[in-house]
Amino acid sequence: MPPTADDRELFDQLRELLAVTVEDVSAEEVGYDSVLKDDLGVDSLALLELVAAIEDRWQVQVPVDDAARLTTVREIVDHLSSLVPAPAGGAA
């Protein structure tokens, strides 16, 4: 299923966050279906840093068990969309 406008906004913000959080990752190489470890080289330490950045950026809590199950960018966006309220007055 294609991403919704809200999911697309989360994705764009997440790819920028990945670029500043994970060494040697640029926003351009982050795809919606990128696998964190295989495609982007996110190791366990980088994942912890990413989770901390996500929690700080969106003011949410991501339990360690949840973080361990998030292996793709799409899974993170889906998880965030369940935690982060949709922007008020979105596109009509």
N, C-alpha and C. Protein backbone atom coordinates (compact mmCIF):
# COMPACT_ATOMS: atom_id res chain seq x y z
N MET A 1 0.85 -1.17 0.00
CA MET A 1 0.00 0.00 0.00
C MET A 1 0.90 1.24 0.00
N PRO A 2 0.59 2.23 -0.86
CA PRO A 2 1.41 3.43 -0.90
C PRO A 2 1.25 4.25 0.38
N PRO A 3 2.28 5.00 0.74
CA PRO A 3 2.20 5.79 1.97
C PRO A 3 1.17 6.91 1.86
N THR A 4 0.53 7.22 2.97
CA THR A 4 -0.38 8.36 3.02
C THR A 4 0.45 9.64 3.06
N ALA A 5 -0.21 10.79 2.94
CA ALA A 5 0.51 12.07 3.01
C ALA A 5 1.19 12.23 4.36
N ASP A 6 0.49 11.81 5.44
CA ASP A 6 1.10 11.92 6.77
C ASP A 6 2.30 10.99 6.88
N ASP A 7 2.17 9.76 6.34
CA ASP A 7 3.29 8.83 6.36
C ASP A 7 4.46 9.38 5.54
N ARG A 8 4.15 10.02 4.44
CA ARG A 8 5.20 10.58 3.59
C ARG A 8 5.95 11.68 4.35
N GLU A 9 5.21 12.48 5.10
CA GLU A 9 5.83 13.53 5.90
C GLU A 9 6.74 12.92 6.98
N LEU A 10 6.25 11.87 7.64
CA LEU A 10 7.07 11.17 8.64
C LEU A 10 8.31 10.58 7.98
N PHE A 11 8.13 9.98 6.80
CA PHE A 11 9.26 9.39 6.07
C PHE A 11 10.31 10.45 5.75
N ASP A 12 9.88 11.60 5.25
CA ASP A 12 10.83 12.66 4.90
C ASP A 12 11.60 13.12 6.13
N GLN A 13 10.91 13.27 7.24
CA GLN A 13 11.58 13.68 8.47
C GLN A 13 12.51 12.59 8.98
N LEU A 14 12.08 11.34 8.86
CA LEU A 14 12.90 10.21 9.31
C LEU A 14 14.16 10.07 8.47
N ARG A 15 14.05 10.24 7.18
CA ARG A 15 15.24 10.09 6.33
C ARG A 15 16.26 11.18 6.65
N GLU A 16 15.80 12.39 6.95
CA GLU A 16 16.72 13.45 7.37
C GLU A 16 17.37 13.10 8.72
N LEU A 17 16.57 12.54 9.62
CA LEU A 17 17.09 12.15 10.93
C LEU A 17 18.12 11.03 10.79
N LEU A 18 17.85 10.07 9.91
CA LEU A 18 18.81 9.00 9.66
C LEU A 18 20.13 9.57 9.13
N ALA A 19 20.03 10.54 8.25
CA ALA A 19 21.23 11.13 7.65
C ALA A 19 22.11 11.82 8.68
N VAL A 20 21.50 12.46 9.67
CA VAL A 20 22.32 13.15 10.68
C VAL A 20 22.71 12.25 11.84
N THR A 21 22.00 11.13 12.00
CA THR A 21 22.25 10.25 13.14
C THR A 21 23.20 9.10 12.80
N VAL A 22 23.06 8.54 11.62
CA VAL A 22 23.83 7.35 11.24
C VAL A 22 24.99 7.76 10.33
N GLU A 23 26.18 7.39 10.74
CA GLU A 23 27.38 7.72 9.97
C GLU A 23 27.31 7.10 8.58
N ASP A 24 27.76 7.86 7.58
CA ASP A 24 27.85 7.41 6.19
C ASP A 24 26.49 7.12 5.54
N VAL A 25 25.42 7.72 6.03
CA VAL A 25 24.10 7.58 5.40
C VAL A 25 23.65 8.97 4.97
N SER A 26 23.27 9.07 3.70
CA SER A 26 22.72 10.34 3.21
C SER A 26 21.21 10.17 3.02
N ALA A 27 20.49 11.26 3.12
CA ALA A 27 19.03 11.21 2.99
C ALA A 27 18.63 10.62 1.64
N GLU A 28 19.40 10.89 0.60
CA GLU A 28 19.06 10.42 -0.75
C GLU A 28 19.08 8.90 -0.86
N GLU A 29 19.89 8.23 -0.06
CA GLU A 29 19.98 6.78 -0.17
C GLU A 29 18.95 6.05 0.70
N VAL A 30 18.20 6.78 1.50
CA VAL A 30 17.18 6.17 2.36
C VAL A 30 15.89 6.03 1.57
N GLY A 31 15.50 4.78 1.34
CA GLY A 31 14.25 4.50 0.64
C GLY A 31 13.19 4.02 1.61
N TYR A 32 11.96 4.09 1.16
CA TYR A 32 10.85 3.69 2.02
C TYR A 32 10.98 2.22 2.46
N ASP A 33 11.56 1.39 1.59
CA ASP A 33 11.71 -0.04 1.92
C ASP A 33 13.14 -0.42 2.27
N SER A 34 13.97 0.56 2.60
CA SER A 34 15.36 0.26 2.99
C SER A 34 15.39 -0.56 4.28
N VAL A 35 16.24 -1.59 4.27
CA VAL A 35 16.48 -2.39 5.47
C VAL A 35 17.60 -1.71 6.24
N LEU A 36 17.34 -1.41 7.51
CA LEU A 36 18.30 -0.64 8.30
C LEU A 36 19.69 -1.25 8.27
N LYS A 37 19.80 -2.52 8.60
CA LYS A 37 21.12 -3.15 8.71
C LYS A 37 21.74 -3.41 7.34
N ASP A 38 21.01 -4.05 6.46
CA ASP A 38 21.58 -4.48 5.17
C ASP A 38 21.78 -3.33 4.19
N ASP A 39 20.80 -2.44 4.07
CA ASP A 39 20.88 -1.39 3.07
C ASP A 39 21.58 -0.13 3.57
N LEU A 40 21.42 0.17 4.86
CA LEU A 40 21.94 1.43 5.39
C LEU A 40 23.10 1.25 6.36
N GLY A 41 23.43 0.00 6.70
CA GLY A 41 24.56 -0.25 7.59
C GLY A 41 24.33 0.16 9.03
N VAL A 42 23.07 0.15 9.47
CA VAL A 42 22.75 0.54 10.84
C VAL A 42 23.06 -0.63 11.77
N ASP A 43 24.08 -0.48 12.61
CA ASP A 43 24.41 -1.53 13.57
C ASP A 43 23.65 -1.29 14.87
N SER A 44 23.89 -2.11 15.88
CA SER A 44 23.11 -2.02 17.12
C SER A 44 23.32 -0.68 17.84
N LEU A 45 24.53 -0.16 17.82
CA LEU A 45 24.79 1.13 18.46
C LEU A 45 24.09 2.26 17.70
N ALA A 46 24.18 2.22 16.39
CA ALA A 46 23.51 3.25 15.58
C ALA A 46 22.00 3.18 15.75
N LEU A 47 21.47 1.96 15.93
CA LEU A 47 20.03 1.82 16.16
C LEU A 47 19.63 2.48 17.47
N LEU A 48 20.44 2.30 18.51
CA LEU A 48 20.15 2.94 19.79
C LEU A 48 20.18 4.47 19.65
N GLU A 49 21.15 4.98 18.90
CA GLU A 49 21.24 6.42 18.68
C GLU A 49 20.04 6.92 17.87
N LEU A 50 19.62 6.13 16.89
CA LEU A 50 18.46 6.50 16.08
C LEU A 50 17.19 6.52 16.93
N VAL A 51 17.01 5.51 17.76
CA VAL A 51 15.83 5.45 18.63
C VAL A 51 15.81 6.67 19.57
N ALA A 52 16.96 7.00 20.13
CA ALA A 52 17.04 8.17 21.02
C ALA A 52 16.67 9.44 20.26
N ALA A 53 17.14 9.56 19.02
CA ALA A 53 16.83 10.74 18.20
C ALA A 53 15.35 10.78 17.85
N ILE A 54 14.76 9.62 17.56
CA ILE A 54 13.32 9.54 17.26
C ILE A 54 12.52 9.96 18.48
N GLU A 55 12.90 9.45 19.64
CA GLU A 55 12.19 9.79 20.88
C GLU A 55 12.27 11.30 21.15
N ASP A 56 13.43 11.87 20.92
CA ASP A 56 13.63 13.30 21.14
C ASP A 56 12.84 14.12 20.12
N ARG A 57 12.91 13.73 18.86
CA ARG A 57 12.27 14.50 17.77
C ARG A 57 10.75 14.49 17.91
N TRP A 58 10.16 13.33 18.18
CA TRP A 58 8.71 13.21 18.21
C TRP A 58 8.12 13.15 19.61
N GLN A 59 8.97 13.24 20.63
CA GLN A 59 8.52 13.20 22.02
C GLN A 59 7.65 11.96 22.30
N VAL A 60 8.18 10.80 21.89
CA VAL A 60 7.52 9.52 22.11
C VAL A 60 8.49 8.58 22.81
N GLN A 61 7.97 7.51 23.34
CA GLN A 61 8.80 6.45 23.92
C GLN A 61 8.75 5.24 22.99
N VAL A 62 9.91 4.71 22.65
CA VAL A 62 10.01 3.51 21.84
C VAL A 62 10.66 2.44 22.71
N PRO A 63 9.85 1.51 23.25
CA PRO A 63 10.42 0.47 24.09
C PRO A 63 11.49 -0.35 23.34
N VAL A 64 12.46 -0.84 24.08
CA VAL A 64 13.57 -1.60 23.49
C VAL A 64 13.05 -2.77 22.66
N ASP A 65 12.04 -3.47 23.17
CA ASP A 65 11.48 -4.60 22.42
C ASP A 65 10.91 -4.15 21.08
N ASP A 66 10.23 -3.01 21.06
CA ASP A 66 9.68 -2.48 19.81
C ASP A 66 10.81 -2.10 18.86
N ALA A 67 11.81 -1.43 19.38
CA ALA A 67 12.94 -0.98 18.55
C ALA A 67 13.64 -2.17 17.88
N ALA A 68 13.77 -3.27 18.60
CA ALA A 68 14.44 -4.45 18.06
C ALA A 68 13.66 -5.06 16.90
N ARG A 69 12.34 -4.85 16.87
CA ARG A 69 11.50 -5.41 15.80
C ARG A 69 11.42 -4.50 14.58
N LEU A 70 11.89 -3.29 14.70
CA LEU A 70 11.83 -2.34 13.59
C LEU A 70 13.08 -2.49 12.74
N THR A 71 12.94 -3.18 11.61
CA THR A 71 14.11 -3.49 10.79
C THR A 71 14.15 -2.74 9.46
N THR A 72 13.04 -2.07 9.09
CA THR A 72 13.01 -1.32 7.84
C THR A 72 12.51 0.10 8.11
N VAL A 73 12.78 0.98 7.18
CA VAL A 73 12.30 2.35 7.28
C VAL A 73 10.77 2.35 7.30
N ARG A 74 10.15 1.52 6.47
CA ARG A 74 8.68 1.42 6.43
C ARG A 74 8.12 1.03 7.80
N GLU A 75 8.75 0.08 8.47
CA GLU A 75 8.27 -0.34 9.80
C GLU A 75 8.37 0.80 10.81
N ILE A 76 9.43 1.60 10.73
CA ILE A 76 9.56 2.74 11.64
C ILE A 76 8.48 3.76 11.36
N VAL A 77 8.25 4.06 10.09
CA VAL A 77 7.20 5.03 9.72
C VAL A 77 5.84 4.53 10.21
N ASP A 78 5.55 3.24 9.98
CA ASP A 78 4.27 2.67 10.43
C ASP A 78 4.15 2.77 11.95
N HIS A 79 5.23 2.48 12.65
CA HIS A 79 5.22 2.55 14.12
C HIS A 79 5.00 4.00 14.57
N LEU A 80 5.72 4.92 13.95
CA LEU A 80 5.57 6.33 14.31
C LEU A 80 4.17 6.84 14.02
N SER A 81 3.58 6.39 12.92
CA SER A 81 2.24 6.87 12.58
C SER A 81 1.21 6.41 13.60
N SER A 82 1.51 5.33 14.32
CA SER A 82 0.60 4.88 15.37
C SER A 82 0.84 5.64 16.68
N LEU A 83 1.99 6.31 16.81
CA LEU A 83 2.33 7.04 18.03
C LEU A 83 2.16 8.55 17.93
N VAL A 84 2.40 9.07 16.73
CA VAL A 84 2.42 10.52 16.54
C VAL A 84 1.08 10.96 15.96
N PRO A 85 0.43 11.94 16.61
CA PRO A 85 -0.83 12.42 16.05
C PRO A 85 -0.64 13.07 14.68
N ALA A 86 -1.64 12.91 13.83
CA ALA A 86 -1.58 13.52 12.50
C ALA A 86 -1.56 15.04 12.64
N PRO A 87 -0.86 15.72 11.76
CA PRO A 87 -0.82 17.18 11.85
C PRO A 87 -2.22 17.77 11.71
N ALA A 88 -2.50 18.78 12.49
CA ALA A 88 -3.81 19.45 12.42
C ALA A 88 -3.91 20.24 11.14
N GLY A 89 -5.08 20.21 10.53
CA GLY A 89 -5.30 20.99 9.32
C GLY A 89 -4.46 20.52 8.15
N GLY A 90 -4.35 19.20 8.00
CA GLY A 90 -3.56 18.63 6.92
C GLY A 90 -4.11 18.99 5.55
N ALA A 91 -3.49 18.47 4.53
CA ALA A 91 -3.88 18.78 3.16
C ALA A 91 -5.31 18.31 2.89
N ALA A 92 -6.03 19.11 2.17
CA ALA A 92 -7.42 18.79 1.85
C ALA A 92 -7.52 18.10 0.53
